[in-house]
């Protein structure tokens, strides 16, 4: 499903270049639930951004479904993300003044999906995350745990085979974190490939496979 071969990425800052990830080779199978842990600045978020084609790589190759996507043009990368990848972020990235329904519609508008299909997908994803009763609430009125569940629902709206989650429980208490982790487990059991970036070793242990990144290199 996702394959990285000798992937490296650096950033230029005023004092020079910073090697964010260095010669990483990794294969994640379809339907696998993988967690990646590491200290702040270890390169784990950069690695996820490269997997999701949000960042360009300097060296190496990235394959999704057997296709080399390393050098896709911006428009092609955007189209692939919309079809194949759902993103979940620590900060939720919801429009606070929008209702839950309108937040979920955003990725479907990009695909010019019919209103009937949008309504169907909204109902399905909200049922999965247990928030059908919040459909008319504005995002700003929700709790942190509810906002994160809405962000997961939004990531699922286009039914992508891949879910990439960057510290999704970072702003949540233990109870809500457990709810989110159970959702990711459910998605994996339904056949979706889930990659979780986290600093929480307990959360990471809930994945099928646990990886650790340090100074830009995978060490397990």
N, C-alpha and C. Protein backbone atom coordinates (compact mmCIF):
# COMPACT_ATOMS: atom_id res chain seq x y z
N UNK A 1 0.84 -1.21 0.00
CA UNK A 1 0.00 0.00 0.00
C UNK A 1 0.87 1.25 0.00
N UNK A 2 1.75 1.39 1.03
CA UNK A 2 2.67 2.54 1.08
C UNK A 2 4.09 1.98 1.16
N UNK A 3 4.94 2.43 0.28
CA UNK A 3 6.33 1.98 0.29
C UNK A 3 7.25 3.17 0.12
N UNK A 4 8.19 3.30 1.05
CA UNK A 4 9.22 4.34 0.96
C UNK A 4 10.56 3.65 0.76
N UNK A 5 11.34 4.15 -0.18
CA UNK A 5 12.66 3.58 -0.45
C UNK A 5 13.71 4.67 -0.38
N UNK A 6 14.59 4.57 0.63
CA UNK A 6 15.72 5.51 0.79
C UNK A 6 15.28 6.97 0.72
N UNK A 7 14.24 7.30 1.46
CA UNK A 7 13.66 8.64 1.42
C UNK A 7 14.38 9.57 2.39
N UNK A 8 14.76 10.74 1.90
CA UNK A 8 15.39 11.77 2.72
C UNK A 8 14.72 13.11 2.45
N UNK A 9 14.69 13.94 3.50
CA UNK A 9 14.09 15.27 3.38
C UNK A 9 14.82 16.21 4.32
N UNK A 10 15.23 17.38 3.81
CA UNK A 10 15.88 18.38 4.64
C UNK A 10 15.18 19.72 4.46
N UNK A 11 15.37 20.59 5.45
CA UNK A 11 14.81 21.94 5.40
C UNK A 11 15.95 22.94 5.53
N UNK A 12 15.82 24.03 4.81
CA UNK A 12 16.83 25.08 4.91
C UNK A 12 16.38 26.14 5.91
N UNK A 13 17.20 26.39 6.92
CA UNK A 13 16.95 27.45 7.87
C UNK A 13 18.13 28.41 7.84
N UNK A 14 18.02 29.49 8.57
CA UNK A 14 19.03 30.55 8.51
C UNK A 14 20.44 30.03 8.83
N UNK A 15 20.52 29.08 9.76
CA UNK A 15 21.84 28.58 10.17
C UNK A 15 22.35 27.45 9.28
N UNK A 16 21.52 27.00 8.31
CA UNK A 16 21.96 25.93 7.41
C UNK A 16 20.84 24.94 7.16
N UNK A 17 21.19 23.76 6.67
CA UNK A 17 20.21 22.71 6.39
C UNK A 17 19.99 21.82 7.61
N UNK A 18 18.73 21.43 7.82
CA UNK A 18 18.38 20.48 8.87
C UNK A 18 17.86 19.21 8.20
N UNK A 19 18.50 18.09 8.50
CA UNK A 19 18.08 16.81 7.92
C UNK A 19 16.92 16.27 8.75
N UNK A 20 15.69 16.39 8.22
CA UNK A 20 14.50 15.99 8.97
C UNK A 20 14.32 14.47 8.98
N UNK A 21 14.41 13.85 7.81
CA UNK A 21 14.41 12.38 7.73
C UNK A 21 15.55 11.96 6.81
N UNK A 22 16.15 10.81 7.13
CA UNK A 22 17.41 10.44 6.50
C UNK A 22 17.40 8.97 6.08
N UNK A 23 17.29 8.75 4.77
CA UNK A 23 17.44 7.42 4.17
C UNK A 23 16.48 6.40 4.79
N UNK A 24 15.19 6.73 4.79
CA UNK A 24 14.20 5.84 5.39
C UNK A 24 13.59 4.92 4.34
N UNK A 25 13.61 3.64 4.65
CA UNK A 25 12.96 2.62 3.83
C UNK A 25 11.90 1.94 4.70
N UNK A 26 10.67 1.88 4.18
CA UNK A 26 9.55 1.39 4.99
C UNK A 26 8.46 0.87 4.07
N UNK A 27 7.86 -0.27 4.46
CA UNK A 27 6.74 -0.83 3.69
C UNK A 27 5.58 -1.05 4.64
N UNK A 28 4.45 -0.42 4.34
CA UNK A 28 3.24 -0.57 5.15
C UNK A 28 2.19 -1.27 4.29
N UNK A 29 1.72 -2.41 4.75
CA UNK A 29 0.79 -3.23 3.97
C UNK A 29 -0.64 -2.67 4.04
N UNK A 30 -1.43 -3.04 3.06
CA UNK A 30 -2.83 -2.65 3.03
C UNK A 30 -3.55 -3.19 4.26
N UNK A 31 -4.30 -2.33 4.95
CA UNK A 31 -5.04 -2.74 6.13
C UNK A 31 -4.24 -2.79 7.41
N UNK A 32 -2.96 -2.44 7.34
CA UNK A 32 -2.11 -2.48 8.54
C UNK A 32 -2.28 -1.20 9.36
N UNK A 33 -2.20 -1.36 10.67
CA UNK A 33 -2.27 -0.24 11.61
C UNK A 33 -0.87 -0.07 12.20
N UNK A 34 -0.20 1.02 11.83
CA UNK A 34 1.20 1.26 12.21
C UNK A 34 1.28 2.54 13.03
N UNK A 35 2.01 2.48 14.14
CA UNK A 35 2.28 3.68 14.92
C UNK A 35 3.76 4.04 14.81
N UNK A 36 4.04 5.34 14.83
CA UNK A 36 5.42 5.83 14.77
C UNK A 36 5.60 6.82 15.91
N UNK A 37 6.51 6.50 16.81
CA UNK A 37 6.79 7.37 17.95
C UNK A 37 8.19 7.96 17.83
N UNK A 38 8.43 8.99 18.61
CA UNK A 38 9.74 9.64 18.64
C UNK A 38 9.65 10.95 19.38
N UNK A 39 10.77 11.45 19.82
CA UNK A 39 10.81 12.71 20.53
C UNK A 39 10.45 13.87 19.61
N UNK A 40 10.11 15.00 20.20
CA UNK A 40 9.85 16.21 19.42
C UNK A 40 11.07 16.55 18.57
N UNK A 41 10.85 16.78 17.29
CA UNK A 41 11.96 17.10 16.39
C UNK A 41 12.65 15.88 15.80
N UNK A 42 12.11 14.69 16.07
CA UNK A 42 12.77 13.47 15.59
C UNK A 42 12.52 13.23 14.10
N UNK A 43 11.50 13.88 13.54
CA UNK A 43 11.21 13.72 12.12
C UNK A 43 9.92 12.97 11.83
N UNK A 44 9.17 12.63 12.88
CA UNK A 44 7.99 11.78 12.64
C UNK A 44 6.89 12.50 11.85
N UNK A 45 6.65 13.78 12.14
CA UNK A 45 5.63 14.51 11.39
C UNK A 45 6.08 14.75 9.95
N UNK A 46 7.36 15.02 9.76
CA UNK A 46 7.87 15.18 8.39
C UNK A 46 7.69 13.89 7.61
N UNK A 47 7.96 12.78 8.25
CA UNK A 47 7.78 11.48 7.59
C UNK A 47 6.33 11.30 7.15
N UNK A 48 5.39 11.64 8.03
CA UNK A 48 3.97 11.52 7.69
C UNK A 48 3.60 12.45 6.54
N UNK A 49 4.11 13.69 6.59
CA UNK A 49 3.81 14.65 5.53
C UNK A 49 4.35 14.19 4.18
N UNK A 50 5.50 13.52 4.19
CA UNK A 50 6.04 12.98 2.94
C UNK A 50 5.18 11.83 2.44
N UNK A 51 4.74 10.96 3.34
CA UNK A 51 3.84 9.86 2.95
C UNK A 51 2.57 10.40 2.32
N UNK A 52 2.06 11.50 2.88
CA UNK A 52 0.82 12.08 2.41
C UNK A 52 0.99 13.07 1.28
N UNK A 53 2.20 13.20 0.75
CA UNK A 53 2.50 14.09 -0.38
C UNK A 53 2.21 15.55 -0.05
N UNK A 54 2.31 15.89 1.22
CA UNK A 54 2.21 17.29 1.62
C UNK A 54 3.57 17.97 1.51
N UNK A 55 4.64 17.19 1.65
CA UNK A 55 6.01 17.68 1.49
C UNK A 55 6.68 16.93 0.36
N UNK A 56 7.48 17.63 -0.43
CA UNK A 56 8.31 16.98 -1.44
C UNK A 56 9.55 16.39 -0.79
N UNK A 57 10.01 15.28 -1.30
CA UNK A 57 11.22 14.67 -0.77
C UNK A 57 12.44 15.11 -1.58
N UNK A 58 13.62 15.00 -0.97
CA UNK A 58 14.86 15.35 -1.66
C UNK A 58 15.44 14.16 -2.42
N UNK A 59 15.33 12.98 -1.80
CA UNK A 59 15.90 11.78 -2.41
C UNK A 59 14.98 10.60 -2.11
N UNK A 60 15.12 9.55 -2.93
CA UNK A 60 14.37 8.33 -2.71
C UNK A 60 13.08 8.28 -3.50
N UNK A 61 12.23 7.31 -3.16
CA UNK A 61 10.98 7.10 -3.87
C UNK A 61 9.85 6.76 -2.90
N UNK A 62 8.64 7.20 -3.25
CA UNK A 62 7.45 6.85 -2.49
C UNK A 62 6.45 6.21 -3.45
N UNK A 63 5.94 5.05 -3.06
CA UNK A 63 4.97 4.33 -3.87
C UNK A 63 3.67 4.20 -3.08
N UNK A 64 2.55 4.44 -3.74
CA UNK A 64 1.23 4.19 -3.17
C UNK A 64 0.49 3.29 -4.15
N UNK A 65 0.05 2.15 -3.66
CA UNK A 65 -0.60 1.14 -4.51
C UNK A 65 0.28 0.76 -5.69
N UNK A 66 1.59 0.69 -5.45
CA UNK A 66 2.51 0.26 -6.48
C UNK A 66 2.91 1.33 -7.47
N UNK A 67 2.36 2.53 -7.35
CA UNK A 67 2.68 3.61 -8.27
C UNK A 67 3.66 4.58 -7.63
N UNK A 68 4.70 4.92 -8.37
CA UNK A 68 5.68 5.89 -7.89
C UNK A 68 5.06 7.28 -7.94
N UNK A 69 4.87 7.86 -6.74
CA UNK A 69 4.21 9.18 -6.65
C UNK A 69 5.19 10.26 -6.22
N UNK A 70 6.47 9.96 -6.25
CA UNK A 70 7.49 10.85 -5.71
C UNK A 70 7.57 12.18 -6.44
N UNK A 71 7.29 12.19 -7.72
CA UNK A 71 7.49 13.41 -8.51
C UNK A 71 6.20 13.91 -9.15
N UNK A 72 5.07 13.62 -8.53
CA UNK A 72 3.81 14.12 -9.06
C UNK A 72 3.78 15.65 -9.00
N UNK A 73 3.16 16.25 -10.00
CA UNK A 73 2.95 17.69 -9.96
C UNK A 73 1.90 18.01 -8.90
N UNK A 74 1.86 19.27 -8.50
CA UNK A 74 1.00 19.68 -7.39
C UNK A 74 -0.47 19.28 -7.60
N UNK A 75 -0.99 19.51 -8.80
CA UNK A 75 -2.40 19.18 -9.07
C UNK A 75 -2.62 17.67 -9.00
N UNK A 76 -1.66 16.90 -9.53
CA UNK A 76 -1.78 15.44 -9.50
C UNK A 76 -1.72 14.92 -8.07
N UNK A 77 -0.83 15.50 -7.26
CA UNK A 77 -0.71 15.09 -5.87
C UNK A 77 -1.99 15.41 -5.10
N UNK A 78 -2.58 16.57 -5.37
CA UNK A 78 -3.82 16.95 -4.71
C UNK A 78 -4.95 15.98 -5.05
N UNK A 79 -5.02 15.60 -6.32
CA UNK A 79 -6.06 14.67 -6.76
C UNK A 79 -5.88 13.31 -6.09
N UNK A 80 -4.63 12.86 -5.99
CA UNK A 80 -4.38 11.56 -5.36
C UNK A 80 -4.72 11.60 -3.88
N UNK A 81 -4.36 12.70 -3.19
CA UNK A 81 -4.71 12.83 -1.78
C UNK A 81 -6.22 12.77 -1.58
N UNK A 82 -6.95 13.44 -2.45
CA UNK A 82 -8.41 13.47 -2.33
C UNK A 82 -9.02 12.08 -2.53
N UNK A 83 -8.39 11.27 -3.35
CA UNK A 83 -8.91 9.93 -3.65
C UNK A 83 -8.45 8.88 -2.65
N UNK A 84 -7.21 9.02 -2.19
CA UNK A 84 -6.58 7.90 -1.47
C UNK A 84 -6.30 8.13 0.01
N UNK A 85 -6.22 9.40 0.44
CA UNK A 85 -5.68 9.68 1.78
C UNK A 85 -6.61 10.56 2.58
N UNK A 86 -6.87 10.15 3.82
CA UNK A 86 -7.58 10.99 4.77
C UNK A 86 -6.64 11.43 5.87
N UNK A 87 -6.63 12.73 6.20
CA UNK A 87 -5.72 13.26 7.20
C UNK A 87 -6.47 13.62 8.48
N UNK A 88 -5.85 13.30 9.61
CA UNK A 88 -6.36 13.69 10.93
C UNK A 88 -5.23 14.39 11.66
N UNK A 89 -5.49 15.62 12.14
CA UNK A 89 -4.44 16.42 12.77
C UNK A 89 -4.77 16.71 14.24
N UNK A 90 -3.74 17.01 14.99
CA UNK A 90 -3.91 17.33 16.41
C UNK A 90 -4.82 18.54 16.61
N UNK A 91 -4.72 19.52 15.74
CA UNK A 91 -5.46 20.78 15.90
C UNK A 91 -6.85 20.73 15.25
N UNK A 92 -7.28 19.54 14.81
CA UNK A 92 -8.61 19.31 14.23
C UNK A 92 -8.77 19.91 12.84
N UNK A 93 -8.33 21.17 12.65
CA UNK A 93 -8.44 21.85 11.35
C UNK A 93 -9.87 21.91 10.83
N UNK A 94 -10.81 22.15 11.75
CA UNK A 94 -12.20 22.36 11.36
C UNK A 94 -12.47 23.85 11.24
N UNK A 95 -13.48 24.21 10.44
CA UNK A 95 -13.93 25.59 10.38
C UNK A 95 -14.85 25.83 11.58
N UNK A 96 -14.42 26.61 12.57
CA UNK A 96 -15.17 26.70 13.82
C UNK A 96 -16.59 27.22 13.69
N UNK A 97 -16.85 28.09 12.73
CA UNK A 97 -18.20 28.67 12.59
C UNK A 97 -19.12 27.80 11.74
N UNK A 98 -18.55 26.77 11.08
CA UNK A 98 -19.36 25.87 10.26
C UNK A 98 -20.03 24.83 11.14
N UNK A 99 -21.17 24.34 10.69
CA UNK A 99 -21.79 23.20 11.37
C UNK A 99 -20.97 21.94 11.09
N UNK A 100 -21.24 20.91 11.86
CA UNK A 100 -20.60 19.61 11.61
C UNK A 100 -20.88 19.17 10.18
N UNK A 101 -22.12 19.29 9.76
CA UNK A 101 -22.48 18.90 8.39
C UNK A 101 -21.62 19.64 7.36
N UNK A 102 -21.52 20.95 7.48
CA UNK A 102 -20.76 21.73 6.49
C UNK A 102 -19.27 21.42 6.53
N UNK A 103 -18.73 21.14 7.71
CA UNK A 103 -17.33 20.74 7.79
C UNK A 103 -17.08 19.43 7.05
N UNK A 104 -18.02 18.50 7.17
CA UNK A 104 -17.85 17.21 6.51
C UNK A 104 -18.01 17.31 5.00
N UNK A 105 -18.75 18.29 4.54
CA UNK A 105 -19.00 18.43 3.10
C UNK A 105 -17.78 18.89 2.32
N UNK A 106 -16.85 19.57 2.98
CA UNK A 106 -15.75 20.24 2.27
C UNK A 106 -15.01 19.31 1.30
N UNK A 107 -14.52 18.12 1.72
CA UNK A 107 -13.79 17.28 0.76
C UNK A 107 -14.66 16.77 -0.38
N UNK A 108 -15.98 16.67 -0.15
CA UNK A 108 -16.88 16.18 -1.20
C UNK A 108 -17.16 17.26 -2.24
N UNK A 109 -17.15 18.52 -1.82
CA UNK A 109 -17.33 19.61 -2.77
C UNK A 109 -16.21 19.61 -3.80
N UNK A 110 -15.01 19.30 -3.33
CA UNK A 110 -13.85 19.28 -4.23
C UNK A 110 -14.06 18.27 -5.35
N UNK A 111 -14.75 17.17 -5.03
CA UNK A 111 -15.00 16.11 -6.02
C UNK A 111 -16.28 16.35 -6.82
N UNK A 112 -16.97 17.46 -6.54
CA UNK A 112 -18.23 17.78 -7.22
C UNK A 112 -19.25 16.66 -7.06
N UNK A 113 -19.34 16.15 -5.82
CA UNK A 113 -20.26 15.06 -5.51
C UNK A 113 -21.69 15.58 -5.38
N UNK A 114 -22.65 14.74 -5.73
CA UNK A 114 -24.05 15.13 -5.64
C UNK A 114 -24.46 15.31 -4.19
N UNK A 115 -25.48 16.14 -3.98
CA UNK A 115 -25.99 16.39 -2.63
C UNK A 115 -26.50 15.10 -2.00
N UNK A 116 -27.13 14.26 -2.78
CA UNK A 116 -27.65 12.99 -2.26
C UNK A 116 -26.53 12.11 -1.73
N UNK A 117 -25.44 12.01 -2.46
CA UNK A 117 -24.31 11.19 -2.02
C UNK A 117 -23.62 11.82 -0.82
N UNK A 118 -23.52 13.15 -0.80
CA UNK A 118 -22.92 13.83 0.34
C UNK A 118 -23.72 13.53 1.61
N UNK A 119 -25.04 13.66 1.52
CA UNK A 119 -25.88 13.40 2.69
C UNK A 119 -25.73 11.97 3.18
N UNK A 120 -25.63 11.04 2.25
CA UNK A 120 -25.44 9.62 2.60
C UNK A 120 -24.13 9.42 3.33
N UNK A 121 -23.05 10.01 2.82
CA UNK A 121 -21.74 9.84 3.44
C UNK A 121 -21.69 10.53 4.81
N UNK A 122 -22.32 11.70 4.93
CA UNK A 122 -22.35 12.38 6.23
C UNK A 122 -23.02 11.48 7.27
N UNK A 123 -24.15 10.91 6.92
CA UNK A 123 -24.86 10.03 7.85
C UNK A 123 -24.01 8.83 8.24
N UNK A 124 -23.32 8.23 7.26
CA UNK A 124 -22.52 7.03 7.51
C UNK A 124 -21.33 7.33 8.41
N UNK A 125 -20.63 8.43 8.12
CA UNK A 125 -19.42 8.72 8.90
C UNK A 125 -19.76 9.20 10.31
N UNK A 126 -20.85 9.97 10.45
CA UNK A 126 -21.23 10.41 11.79
C UNK A 126 -21.72 9.24 12.64
N UNK A 127 -22.36 8.28 12.01
CA UNK A 127 -22.77 7.09 12.76
C UNK A 127 -21.55 6.31 13.24
N UNK A 128 -20.54 6.22 12.39
CA UNK A 128 -19.32 5.50 12.77
C UNK A 128 -18.64 6.13 13.98
N UNK A 129 -18.60 7.46 14.02
CA UNK A 129 -17.90 8.14 15.12
C UNK A 129 -18.84 8.49 16.28
N UNK A 130 -20.10 8.10 16.16
CA UNK A 130 -21.04 8.29 17.26
C UNK A 130 -21.49 9.71 17.49
N UNK A 131 -21.66 10.49 16.41
CA UNK A 131 -22.02 11.90 16.57
C UNK A 131 -23.21 12.30 15.68
N UNK A 132 -24.11 11.38 15.43
CA UNK A 132 -25.24 11.71 14.56
C UNK A 132 -26.10 12.84 15.14
N UNK A 133 -26.09 12.97 16.46
CA UNK A 133 -26.92 14.00 17.10
C UNK A 133 -26.27 15.38 17.06
N UNK A 134 -25.05 15.48 16.55
CA UNK A 134 -24.33 16.76 16.52
C UNK A 134 -24.29 17.38 15.13
N UNK A 135 -25.02 16.84 14.18
CA UNK A 135 -24.89 17.24 12.79
C UNK A 135 -25.14 18.73 12.56
N UNK A 136 -26.02 19.35 13.34
CA UNK A 136 -26.34 20.76 13.15
C UNK A 136 -25.58 21.69 14.09
N UNK A 137 -24.73 21.12 14.94
CA UNK A 137 -23.96 21.95 15.86
C UNK A 137 -22.77 22.56 15.15
N UNK A 138 -22.40 23.77 15.54
CA UNK A 138 -21.18 24.38 15.01
C UNK A 138 -19.97 23.75 15.68
N UNK A 139 -18.87 23.68 14.96
CA UNK A 139 -17.67 23.03 15.49
C UNK A 139 -17.20 23.69 16.78
N UNK A 140 -17.35 25.01 16.88
CA UNK A 140 -16.88 25.75 18.05
C UNK A 140 -17.66 25.34 19.30
N UNK A 141 -18.83 24.76 19.14
CA UNK A 141 -19.67 24.37 20.27
C UNK A 141 -19.36 22.97 20.78
N UNK A 142 -18.48 22.25 20.11
CA UNK A 142 -18.17 20.87 20.48
C UNK A 142 -17.01 20.80 21.46
N UNK A 143 -16.94 19.69 22.19
CA UNK A 143 -15.79 19.44 23.05
C UNK A 143 -14.60 19.03 22.19
N UNK A 144 -13.42 18.99 22.81
CA UNK A 144 -12.23 18.59 22.06
C UNK A 144 -12.34 17.19 21.49
N UNK A 145 -12.86 16.27 22.29
CA UNK A 145 -13.02 14.89 21.81
C UNK A 145 -14.00 14.80 20.66
N UNK A 146 -15.08 15.58 20.74
CA UNK A 146 -16.07 15.59 19.67
C UNK A 146 -15.48 16.19 18.39
N UNK A 147 -14.70 17.26 18.54
CA UNK A 147 -14.07 17.87 17.36
C UNK A 147 -13.14 16.88 16.67
N UNK A 148 -12.40 16.12 17.47
CA UNK A 148 -11.49 15.17 16.85
C UNK A 148 -12.25 14.05 16.15
N UNK A 149 -13.36 13.64 16.71
CA UNK A 149 -14.18 12.62 16.03
C UNK A 149 -14.78 13.17 14.74
N UNK A 150 -15.15 14.45 14.74
CA UNK A 150 -15.62 15.06 13.50
C UNK A 150 -14.50 15.11 12.46
N UNK A 151 -13.28 15.40 12.91
CA UNK A 151 -12.16 15.46 11.97
C UNK A 151 -11.88 14.08 11.37
N UNK A 152 -12.08 13.03 12.17
CA UNK A 152 -11.93 11.67 11.64
C UNK A 152 -13.03 11.39 10.63
N UNK A 153 -14.27 11.79 10.96
CA UNK A 153 -15.38 11.62 10.01
C UNK A 153 -15.09 12.34 8.71
N UNK A 154 -14.55 13.55 8.79
CA UNK A 154 -14.23 14.31 7.58
C UNK A 154 -13.17 13.58 6.76
N UNK A 155 -12.18 13.00 7.44
CA UNK A 155 -11.13 12.25 6.74
C UNK A 155 -11.70 11.04 6.00
N UNK A 156 -12.84 10.55 6.47
CA UNK A 156 -13.44 9.35 5.88
C UNK A 156 -14.46 9.67 4.79
N UNK A 157 -14.80 10.92 4.58
CA UNK A 157 -15.90 11.28 3.70
C UNK A 157 -15.72 10.75 2.27
N UNK A 158 -14.51 10.77 1.75
CA UNK A 158 -14.26 10.28 0.39
C UNK A 158 -13.89 8.80 0.38
N UNK A 159 -14.06 8.14 1.53
CA UNK A 159 -13.78 6.71 1.69
C UNK A 159 -12.37 6.34 1.24
N UNK A 160 -11.34 7.05 1.75
CA UNK A 160 -9.97 6.77 1.32
C UNK A 160 -9.46 5.46 1.94
N UNK A 161 -8.58 4.74 1.24
CA UNK A 161 -8.02 3.51 1.81
C UNK A 161 -6.94 3.77 2.85
N UNK A 162 -6.42 5.01 2.92
CA UNK A 162 -5.32 5.34 3.82
C UNK A 162 -5.75 6.47 4.76
N UNK A 163 -5.47 6.28 6.07
CA UNK A 163 -5.69 7.33 7.06
C UNK A 163 -4.35 7.66 7.70
N UNK A 164 -3.94 8.93 7.62
CA UNK A 164 -2.70 9.41 8.24
C UNK A 164 -3.07 10.35 9.38
N UNK A 165 -2.65 10.00 10.59
CA UNK A 165 -3.06 10.76 11.78
C UNK A 165 -1.82 11.28 12.51
N UNK A 166 -1.74 12.60 12.67
CA UNK A 166 -0.59 13.24 13.30
C UNK A 166 -0.97 13.73 14.70
N UNK A 167 -0.55 13.01 15.72
CA UNK A 167 -0.83 13.35 17.13
C UNK A 167 -2.32 13.63 17.36
N UNK A 168 -3.21 12.73 16.94
CA UNK A 168 -4.64 13.01 17.04
C UNK A 168 -5.16 13.08 18.47
N UNK A 169 -4.41 12.52 19.42
CA UNK A 169 -4.85 12.53 20.83
C UNK A 169 -4.07 13.53 21.66
N UNK A 170 -3.25 14.35 21.00
CA UNK A 170 -2.36 15.25 21.72
C UNK A 170 -3.07 16.26 22.59
N UNK A 171 -4.30 16.66 22.21
CA UNK A 171 -5.05 17.66 22.98
C UNK A 171 -6.19 17.05 23.80
N UNK A 172 -6.20 15.72 23.91
CA UNK A 172 -7.35 15.05 24.51
C UNK A 172 -7.00 14.40 25.85
N UNK A 173 -8.04 14.24 26.69
CA UNK A 173 -7.84 13.53 27.95
C UNK A 173 -7.83 12.02 27.69
N UNK A 174 -7.58 11.25 28.73
CA UNK A 174 -7.42 9.80 28.58
C UNK A 174 -8.67 9.14 28.00
N UNK A 175 -9.84 9.53 28.52
CA UNK A 175 -11.08 8.92 28.05
C UNK A 175 -11.32 9.14 26.58
N UNK A 176 -11.16 10.37 26.11
CA UNK A 176 -11.35 10.67 24.69
C UNK A 176 -10.27 10.04 23.83
N UNK A 177 -9.06 9.96 24.36
CA UNK A 177 -7.98 9.31 23.62
C UNK A 177 -8.31 7.85 23.36
N UNK A 178 -8.88 7.19 24.35
CA UNK A 178 -9.25 5.78 24.19
C UNK A 178 -10.34 5.62 23.13
N UNK A 179 -11.28 6.56 23.08
CA UNK A 179 -12.33 6.52 22.06
C UNK A 179 -11.72 6.65 20.67
N UNK A 180 -10.79 7.59 20.53
CA UNK A 180 -10.16 7.81 19.23
C UNK A 180 -9.36 6.58 18.80
N UNK A 181 -8.62 5.99 19.74
CA UNK A 181 -7.82 4.81 19.39
C UNK A 181 -8.71 3.63 19.00
N UNK A 182 -9.85 3.49 19.65
CA UNK A 182 -10.78 2.42 19.26
C UNK A 182 -11.32 2.65 17.85
N UNK A 183 -11.54 3.92 17.50
CA UNK A 183 -11.99 4.24 16.15
C UNK A 183 -10.94 3.84 15.10
N UNK A 184 -9.69 4.14 15.39
CA UNK A 184 -8.64 3.76 14.44
C UNK A 184 -8.54 2.24 14.33
N UNK A 185 -8.69 1.54 15.43
CA UNK A 185 -8.68 0.08 15.39
C UNK A 185 -9.83 -0.44 14.53
N UNK A 186 -11.01 0.15 14.70
CA UNK A 186 -12.16 -0.25 13.90
C UNK A 186 -11.90 -0.01 12.41
N UNK A 187 -11.32 1.13 12.08
CA UNK A 187 -11.02 1.44 10.68
C UNK A 187 -10.03 0.44 10.10
N UNK A 188 -9.03 0.07 10.88
CA UNK A 188 -8.07 -0.92 10.43
C UNK A 188 -8.75 -2.27 10.19
N UNK A 189 -9.62 -2.65 11.09
CA UNK A 189 -10.33 -3.92 10.94
C UNK A 189 -11.25 -3.91 9.73
N UNK A 190 -11.67 -2.72 9.31
CA UNK A 190 -12.50 -2.59 8.11
C UNK A 190 -11.67 -2.57 6.84
N UNK A 191 -10.34 -2.67 6.98
CA UNK A 191 -9.47 -2.77 5.82
C UNK A 191 -8.70 -1.52 5.45
N UNK A 192 -8.85 -0.45 6.24
CA UNK A 192 -8.11 0.77 5.94
C UNK A 192 -6.69 0.70 6.51
N UNK A 193 -5.77 1.29 5.81
CA UNK A 193 -4.39 1.40 6.28
C UNK A 193 -4.30 2.64 7.16
N UNK A 194 -3.86 2.46 8.41
CA UNK A 194 -3.81 3.57 9.37
C UNK A 194 -2.37 3.78 9.82
N UNK A 195 -1.88 5.00 9.67
CA UNK A 195 -0.55 5.36 10.18
C UNK A 195 -0.73 6.45 11.23
N UNK A 196 -0.30 6.15 12.44
CA UNK A 196 -0.49 7.04 13.58
C UNK A 196 0.85 7.58 14.06
N UNK A 197 0.98 8.90 14.09
CA UNK A 197 2.13 9.56 14.69
C UNK A 197 1.75 9.95 16.11
N UNK A 198 2.55 9.57 17.09
CA UNK A 198 2.21 9.88 18.47
C UNK A 198 3.47 9.90 19.34
N UNK A 199 3.41 10.70 20.42
CA UNK A 199 4.47 10.66 21.42
C UNK A 199 4.09 9.74 22.57
N UNK A 200 2.85 9.24 22.54
CA UNK A 200 2.29 8.43 23.62
C UNK A 200 2.58 6.95 23.35
N UNK A 201 3.47 6.36 24.11
CA UNK A 201 3.84 4.97 23.89
C UNK A 201 2.69 4.01 24.17
N UNK A 202 1.80 4.39 25.10
CA UNK A 202 0.65 3.54 25.40
C UNK A 202 -0.30 3.50 24.21
N UNK A 203 -0.55 4.66 23.59
CA UNK A 203 -1.39 4.70 22.40
C UNK A 203 -0.72 3.93 21.26
N UNK A 204 0.59 4.10 21.12
CA UNK A 204 1.31 3.43 20.04
C UNK A 204 1.21 1.92 20.15
N UNK A 205 1.14 1.42 21.38
CA UNK A 205 1.08 -0.02 21.60
C UNK A 205 -0.21 -0.64 21.08
N UNK A 206 -1.22 0.19 20.81
CA UNK A 206 -2.48 -0.32 20.29
C UNK A 206 -2.44 -0.65 18.81
N UNK A 207 -1.36 -0.32 18.14
CA UNK A 207 -1.22 -0.58 16.71
C UNK A 207 -0.72 -2.00 16.46
N UNK A 208 -0.84 -2.45 15.21
CA UNK A 208 -0.33 -3.77 14.84
C UNK A 208 1.19 -3.80 14.89
N UNK A 209 1.79 -2.68 14.52
CA UNK A 209 3.25 -2.59 14.48
C UNK A 209 3.68 -1.24 15.00
N UNK A 210 4.71 -1.21 15.84
CA UNK A 210 5.20 0.02 16.44
C UNK A 210 6.61 0.31 15.92
N UNK A 211 6.79 1.52 15.39
CA UNK A 211 8.08 1.96 14.90
C UNK A 211 8.55 3.16 15.71
N UNK A 212 9.84 3.35 15.76
CA UNK A 212 10.42 4.48 16.48
C UNK A 212 11.36 5.23 15.52
N UNK A 213 11.26 6.55 15.52
CA UNK A 213 12.16 7.37 14.71
C UNK A 213 12.98 8.25 15.65
N UNK A 214 14.26 8.35 15.33
CA UNK A 214 15.17 9.14 16.13
C UNK A 214 16.15 9.85 15.21
N UNK A 215 16.27 11.17 15.36
CA UNK A 215 17.19 11.95 14.53
C UNK A 215 17.01 11.65 13.04
N UNK A 216 15.76 11.51 12.65
CA UNK A 216 15.45 11.33 11.23
C UNK A 216 15.60 9.94 10.69
N UNK A 217 15.93 8.97 11.56
CA UNK A 217 16.12 7.60 11.10
C UNK A 217 15.20 6.65 11.85
N UNK A 218 14.66 5.66 11.14
CA UNK A 218 13.89 4.62 11.80
C UNK A 218 14.87 3.69 12.52
N UNK A 219 14.60 3.45 13.81
CA UNK A 219 15.51 2.58 14.56
C UNK A 219 14.85 1.26 14.92
N UNK A 220 13.55 1.11 14.68
CA UNK A 220 12.89 -0.19 14.83
C UNK A 220 11.86 -0.37 13.73
